[in-house]
């Protein structure tokens, strides 16, 4: 088995994780599906779990990342706010930058990891 370098970036607010890899995945799934329930299904989690994660994110930031849309014929949905989209973009940029910066150091360390 070849070792690999993996960064797990998380931003916390007190005891809560404001945003991390799973929450960013959820935000992207909400953006793609237009709903929390659709995002939950695509990620294999319950609606309740997804809703609780969204609630935590919305409470941790100065403004909501996700807004519910009122029901209608299709029963409503959810959409990312501009801040939600910006959080995704910046989070993914930090991940890419960290991976590039750590690649050389990681190469040296992985040589020492048992294969």
N, C-alpha and C. Protein backbone atom coordinates (compact mmCIF):
# COMPACT_ATOMS: atom_id res chain seq x y z
N UNK A 1 0.84 -1.17 0.00
CA UNK A 1 0.00 0.00 0.00
C UNK A 1 0.89 1.24 0.00
N UNK A 2 0.66 2.14 -0.91
CA UNK A 2 1.45 3.36 -1.04
C UNK A 2 0.87 4.42 -0.11
N UNK A 3 1.69 5.00 0.78
CA UNK A 3 1.19 6.05 1.67
C UNK A 3 0.83 7.30 0.88
N UNK A 4 -0.08 8.09 1.40
CA UNK A 4 -0.46 9.34 0.75
C UNK A 4 -0.62 10.43 1.79
N UNK A 5 -0.48 11.65 1.37
CA UNK A 5 -0.65 12.81 2.24
C UNK A 5 -2.09 13.27 2.13
N UNK A 6 -2.72 13.55 3.27
CA UNK A 6 -4.10 14.01 3.27
C UNK A 6 -4.26 15.11 4.31
N UNK A 7 -4.78 16.25 3.88
CA UNK A 7 -5.05 17.35 4.78
C UNK A 7 -6.53 17.33 5.14
N UNK A 8 -6.84 17.59 6.40
CA UNK A 8 -8.22 17.67 6.86
C UNK A 8 -8.41 19.05 7.50
N UNK A 9 -8.80 20.01 6.72
CA UNK A 9 -8.94 21.39 7.16
C UNK A 9 -10.30 21.60 7.82
N UNK A 10 -10.28 22.16 9.03
CA UNK A 10 -11.52 22.46 9.74
C UNK A 10 -11.40 23.85 10.36
N UNK A 11 -12.50 24.58 10.34
CA UNK A 11 -12.59 25.87 11.02
C UNK A 11 -13.59 25.69 12.15
N UNK A 12 -13.18 26.03 13.36
CA UNK A 12 -14.05 25.85 14.52
C UNK A 12 -14.48 27.18 15.10
N UNK A 13 -15.62 27.13 15.75
CA UNK A 13 -16.12 28.27 16.53
C UNK A 13 -16.54 27.68 17.86
N UNK A 14 -15.74 27.87 18.86
CA UNK A 14 -16.00 27.22 20.15
C UNK A 14 -15.90 25.72 19.98
N UNK A 15 -16.90 25.00 20.45
CA UNK A 15 -16.93 23.54 20.33
C UNK A 15 -17.47 23.06 18.99
N UNK A 16 -18.02 23.97 18.21
CA UNK A 16 -18.62 23.60 16.92
C UNK A 16 -17.60 23.67 15.79
N UNK A 17 -17.71 22.73 14.87
CA UNK A 17 -16.94 22.82 13.63
C UNK A 17 -17.79 23.64 12.68
N UNK A 18 -17.33 24.86 12.40
CA UNK A 18 -18.08 25.76 11.52
C UNK A 18 -18.11 25.20 10.11
N UNK A 19 -16.96 24.73 9.63
CA UNK A 19 -16.89 24.14 8.30
C UNK A 19 -15.67 23.23 8.23
N UNK A 20 -15.84 22.14 7.54
CA UNK A 20 -14.79 21.16 7.32
C UNK A 20 -15.09 20.40 6.04
N UNK A 21 -14.37 19.34 5.77
CA UNK A 21 -14.53 18.65 4.49
C UNK A 21 -15.94 18.10 4.24
N UNK A 22 -16.54 17.51 5.25
CA UNK A 22 -17.89 16.97 5.07
C UNK A 22 -18.94 18.04 4.87
N UNK A 23 -18.79 19.15 5.58
CA UNK A 23 -19.75 20.24 5.44
C UNK A 23 -19.61 20.93 4.08
N UNK A 24 -18.39 21.04 3.59
CA UNK A 24 -18.20 21.61 2.25
C UNK A 24 -18.81 20.68 1.20
N UNK A 25 -18.63 19.37 1.38
CA UNK A 25 -19.29 18.41 0.48
C UNK A 25 -20.80 18.61 0.50
N UNK A 26 -21.35 18.81 1.70
CA UNK A 26 -22.80 19.03 1.83
C UNK A 26 -23.21 20.32 1.13
N UNK A 27 -22.46 21.38 1.32
CA UNK A 27 -22.79 22.64 0.62
C UNK A 27 -22.78 22.45 -0.90
N UNK A 28 -21.79 21.74 -1.40
CA UNK A 28 -21.73 21.48 -2.85
C UNK A 28 -22.92 20.64 -3.31
N UNK A 29 -23.32 19.68 -2.49
CA UNK A 29 -24.47 18.83 -2.85
C UNK A 29 -25.77 19.63 -2.81
N UNK A 30 -25.90 20.56 -1.88
CA UNK A 30 -27.08 21.43 -1.84
C UNK A 30 -27.12 22.30 -3.08
N UNK A 31 -25.97 22.83 -3.46
CA UNK A 31 -25.89 23.65 -4.67
C UNK A 31 -26.31 22.84 -5.90
N UNK A 32 -25.87 21.59 -5.97
CA UNK A 32 -26.17 20.75 -7.13
C UNK A 32 -27.63 20.30 -7.16
N UNK A 33 -28.19 19.98 -5.99
CA UNK A 33 -29.53 19.40 -5.95
C UNK A 33 -30.63 20.42 -5.73
N UNK A 34 -30.29 21.55 -5.12
CA UNK A 34 -31.30 22.56 -4.83
C UNK A 34 -32.13 22.26 -3.60
N UNK A 35 -31.70 21.28 -2.81
CA UNK A 35 -32.43 20.97 -1.58
C UNK A 35 -31.54 20.25 -0.58
N UNK A 36 -31.90 20.38 0.67
CA UNK A 36 -31.17 19.68 1.72
C UNK A 36 -31.46 18.19 1.64
N UNK A 37 -32.71 17.83 1.37
CA UNK A 37 -33.05 16.40 1.30
C UNK A 37 -32.36 15.73 0.12
N UNK A 38 -32.30 16.39 -1.02
CA UNK A 38 -31.60 15.84 -2.18
C UNK A 38 -30.11 15.71 -1.92
N UNK A 39 -29.54 16.70 -1.25
CA UNK A 39 -28.12 16.66 -0.91
C UNK A 39 -27.85 15.50 0.05
N UNK A 40 -28.72 15.35 1.04
CA UNK A 40 -28.56 14.26 2.01
C UNK A 40 -28.59 12.91 1.31
N UNK A 41 -29.55 12.73 0.42
CA UNK A 41 -29.65 11.46 -0.32
C UNK A 41 -28.38 11.19 -1.11
N UNK A 42 -27.88 12.21 -1.79
CA UNK A 42 -26.70 12.01 -2.64
C UNK A 42 -25.46 11.67 -1.81
N UNK A 43 -25.45 12.09 -0.55
CA UNK A 43 -24.30 11.83 0.32
C UNK A 43 -24.52 10.64 1.24
N UNK A 44 -25.70 10.01 1.14
CA UNK A 44 -25.99 8.83 1.96
C UNK A 44 -26.19 9.15 3.43
N UNK A 45 -26.77 10.31 3.72
CA UNK A 45 -27.04 10.66 5.12
C UNK A 45 -28.51 10.99 5.29
N UNK A 46 -28.97 11.00 6.50
CA UNK A 46 -30.36 11.31 6.76
C UNK A 46 -30.60 12.81 6.56
N UNK A 47 -31.86 13.14 6.28
CA UNK A 47 -32.23 14.56 6.15
C UNK A 47 -31.94 15.27 7.47
N UNK A 48 -32.28 14.63 8.58
CA UNK A 48 -32.07 15.26 9.89
C UNK A 48 -30.59 15.59 10.11
N UNK A 49 -29.70 14.67 9.79
CA UNK A 49 -28.27 14.91 9.95
C UNK A 49 -27.82 16.08 9.08
N UNK A 50 -28.26 16.10 7.83
CA UNK A 50 -27.90 17.19 6.92
C UNK A 50 -28.44 18.53 7.44
N UNK A 51 -29.68 18.51 7.90
CA UNK A 51 -30.29 19.74 8.43
C UNK A 51 -29.52 20.25 9.64
N UNK A 52 -29.11 19.35 10.53
CA UNK A 52 -28.34 19.76 11.72
C UNK A 52 -26.98 20.35 11.33
N UNK A 53 -26.34 19.76 10.32
CA UNK A 53 -25.06 20.30 9.84
C UNK A 53 -25.24 21.70 9.26
N UNK A 54 -26.30 21.88 8.46
CA UNK A 54 -26.59 23.20 7.89
C UNK A 54 -26.88 24.20 9.01
N UNK A 55 -27.66 23.78 9.99
CA UNK A 55 -27.98 24.66 11.11
C UNK A 55 -26.72 25.09 11.85
N UNK A 56 -25.81 24.16 12.08
CA UNK A 56 -24.55 24.50 12.75
C UNK A 56 -23.76 25.51 11.93
N UNK A 57 -23.64 25.26 10.62
CA UNK A 57 -22.91 26.21 9.77
C UNK A 57 -23.56 27.58 9.82
N UNK A 58 -24.87 27.63 9.68
CA UNK A 58 -25.56 28.92 9.67
C UNK A 58 -25.38 29.67 10.99
N UNK A 59 -25.33 28.95 12.11
CA UNK A 59 -25.13 29.60 13.41
C UNK A 59 -23.70 30.07 13.62
N UNK A 60 -22.74 29.39 13.00
CA UNK A 60 -21.33 29.71 13.20
C UNK A 60 -20.84 30.90 12.39
N UNK A 61 -21.50 31.21 11.30
CA UNK A 61 -21.08 32.31 10.45
C UNK A 61 -21.92 33.55 10.73
N UNK A 62 -21.38 34.69 10.38
CA UNK A 62 -22.07 35.97 10.62
C UNK A 62 -23.37 36.09 9.82
N UNK A 63 -23.43 35.37 8.72
CA UNK A 63 -24.63 35.34 7.88
C UNK A 63 -24.81 33.89 7.43
N UNK A 64 -26.04 33.49 7.11
CA UNK A 64 -26.28 32.09 6.70
C UNK A 64 -25.53 31.71 5.43
N UNK A 65 -25.16 30.44 5.36
CA UNK A 65 -24.55 29.88 4.15
C UNK A 65 -25.61 29.25 3.26
N UNK A 66 -26.72 28.81 3.88
CA UNK A 66 -27.81 28.15 3.16
C UNK A 66 -29.12 28.82 3.58
N UNK A 67 -29.97 29.08 2.60
CA UNK A 67 -31.30 29.63 2.86
C UNK A 67 -32.35 28.67 2.33
N UNK A 68 -33.40 28.49 3.12
CA UNK A 68 -34.53 27.67 2.68
C UNK A 68 -35.38 28.49 1.72
N UNK A 69 -35.94 27.81 0.74
CA UNK A 69 -36.85 28.47 -0.19
C UNK A 69 -38.25 27.97 0.11
N UNK A 70 -39.20 28.88 0.10
CA UNK A 70 -40.58 28.54 0.45
C UNK A 70 -41.14 27.48 -0.49
N UNK A 71 -42.03 26.68 0.05
CA UNK A 71 -42.65 25.60 -0.72
C UNK A 71 -43.53 26.12 -1.84
N UNK A 72 -43.86 25.26 -2.69
CA UNK A 72 -44.73 25.54 -3.82
C UNK A 72 -45.17 24.20 -4.36
N UNK A 73 -45.35 24.10 -5.64
CA UNK A 73 -45.72 22.82 -6.23
C UNK A 73 -44.67 21.75 -5.97
N UNK A 74 -43.40 22.18 -5.94
CA UNK A 74 -42.31 21.22 -5.75
C UNK A 74 -41.91 21.07 -4.28
N UNK A 75 -42.55 21.84 -3.37
CA UNK A 75 -42.28 21.67 -1.95
C UNK A 75 -41.11 22.47 -1.42
N UNK A 76 -40.63 23.44 -2.16
CA UNK A 76 -39.54 24.27 -1.65
C UNK A 76 -38.18 23.68 -1.95
N UNK A 77 -37.21 24.14 -1.23
CA UNK A 77 -35.86 23.68 -1.44
C UNK A 77 -34.90 24.50 -0.62
N UNK A 78 -33.67 24.53 -1.04
CA UNK A 78 -32.65 25.31 -0.35
C UNK A 78 -31.64 25.78 -1.39
N UNK A 79 -31.01 26.88 -1.08
CA UNK A 79 -29.98 27.41 -1.98
C UNK A 79 -28.86 28.00 -1.16
N UNK A 80 -27.68 28.02 -1.76
CA UNK A 80 -26.55 28.65 -1.11
C UNK A 80 -26.68 30.16 -1.23
N UNK A 81 -26.24 30.84 -0.19
CA UNK A 81 -26.13 32.29 -0.27
C UNK A 81 -24.81 32.62 -0.96
N UNK A 82 -24.60 33.88 -1.23
CA UNK A 82 -23.31 34.28 -1.81
C UNK A 82 -22.16 33.91 -0.88
N UNK A 83 -22.41 34.06 0.43
CA UNK A 83 -21.38 33.68 1.40
C UNK A 83 -21.12 32.18 1.36
N UNK A 84 -22.17 31.38 1.22
CA UNK A 84 -22.00 29.93 1.13
C UNK A 84 -21.14 29.54 -0.06
N UNK A 85 -21.40 30.16 -1.21
CA UNK A 85 -20.60 29.89 -2.41
C UNK A 85 -19.16 30.34 -2.21
N UNK A 86 -18.97 31.47 -1.55
CA UNK A 86 -17.62 31.99 -1.30
C UNK A 86 -16.86 31.08 -0.33
N UNK A 87 -17.55 30.54 0.68
CA UNK A 87 -16.90 29.63 1.62
C UNK A 87 -16.40 28.39 0.89
N UNK A 88 -17.23 27.83 0.00
CA UNK A 88 -16.80 26.66 -0.79
C UNK A 88 -15.56 27.00 -1.60
N UNK A 89 -15.61 28.11 -2.33
CA UNK A 89 -14.51 28.49 -3.21
C UNK A 89 -13.21 28.68 -2.43
N UNK A 90 -13.28 29.38 -1.32
CA UNK A 90 -12.07 29.64 -0.54
C UNK A 90 -11.57 28.38 0.16
N UNK A 91 -12.48 27.56 0.65
CA UNK A 91 -12.09 26.31 1.30
C UNK A 91 -11.35 25.42 0.31
N UNK A 92 -11.90 25.24 -0.88
CA UNK A 92 -11.25 24.40 -1.89
C UNK A 92 -9.91 25.00 -2.32
N UNK A 93 -9.80 26.31 -2.38
CA UNK A 93 -8.53 26.95 -2.74
C UNK A 93 -7.48 26.68 -1.66
N UNK A 94 -7.87 26.79 -0.39
CA UNK A 94 -6.94 26.50 0.71
C UNK A 94 -6.48 25.05 0.63
N UNK A 95 -7.42 24.13 0.35
CA UNK A 95 -7.05 22.71 0.21
C UNK A 95 -6.00 22.52 -0.89
N UNK A 96 -6.24 23.13 -2.06
CA UNK A 96 -5.31 23.00 -3.17
C UNK A 96 -3.94 23.58 -2.83
N UNK A 97 -3.96 24.77 -2.22
CA UNK A 97 -2.70 25.42 -1.86
C UNK A 97 -1.94 24.61 -0.82
N UNK A 98 -2.64 24.06 0.16
CA UNK A 98 -1.99 23.26 1.20
C UNK A 98 -1.42 21.98 0.61
N UNK A 99 -2.14 21.37 -0.31
CA UNK A 99 -1.65 20.14 -0.95
C UNK A 99 -0.37 20.41 -1.73
N UNK A 100 -0.34 21.53 -2.45
CA UNK A 100 0.87 21.88 -3.21
C UNK A 100 2.03 22.18 -2.26
N UNK A 101 1.76 22.96 -1.22
CA UNK A 101 2.81 23.35 -0.29
C UNK A 101 3.35 22.15 0.47
N UNK A 102 2.49 21.21 0.78
CA UNK A 102 2.91 20.06 1.56
C UNK A 102 3.44 18.90 0.74
N UNK A 103 3.35 18.97 -0.56
CA UNK A 103 3.72 17.84 -1.41
C UNK A 103 5.18 17.42 -1.21
N UNK A 104 6.09 18.37 -1.24
CA UNK A 104 7.51 18.03 -1.11
C UNK A 104 7.81 17.47 0.28
N UNK A 105 7.29 18.13 1.29
CA UNK A 105 7.52 17.64 2.66
C UNK A 105 6.85 16.28 2.83
N UNK A 106 5.68 16.15 2.30
CA UNK A 106 4.96 14.89 2.41
C UNK A 106 5.68 13.75 1.72
N UNK A 107 6.31 14.05 0.59
CA UNK A 107 7.08 13.02 -0.12
C UNK A 107 8.18 12.46 0.76
N UNK A 108 8.88 13.35 1.45
CA UNK A 108 9.97 12.91 2.33
C UNK A 108 9.44 12.03 3.46
N UNK A 109 8.35 12.45 4.07
CA UNK A 109 7.80 11.69 5.20
C UNK A 109 7.23 10.35 4.73
N UNK A 110 6.55 10.32 3.59
CA UNK A 110 5.97 9.06 3.12
C UNK A 110 7.03 8.02 2.79
N UNK A 111 8.25 8.47 2.49
CA UNK A 111 9.33 7.50 2.27
C UNK A 111 9.64 6.71 3.54
N UNK A 112 9.34 7.32 4.69
CA UNK A 112 9.62 6.66 5.96
C UNK A 112 8.45 5.79 6.44
N UNK A 113 7.29 5.93 5.80
CA UNK A 113 6.10 5.18 6.20
C UNK A 113 6.21 3.75 5.67
N UNK A 114 5.90 2.81 6.52
CA UNK A 114 5.95 1.41 6.14
C UNK A 114 4.98 1.13 5.00
N UNK A 115 5.42 0.39 4.03
CA UNK A 115 4.57 0.07 2.88
C UNK A 115 4.00 -1.31 3.00
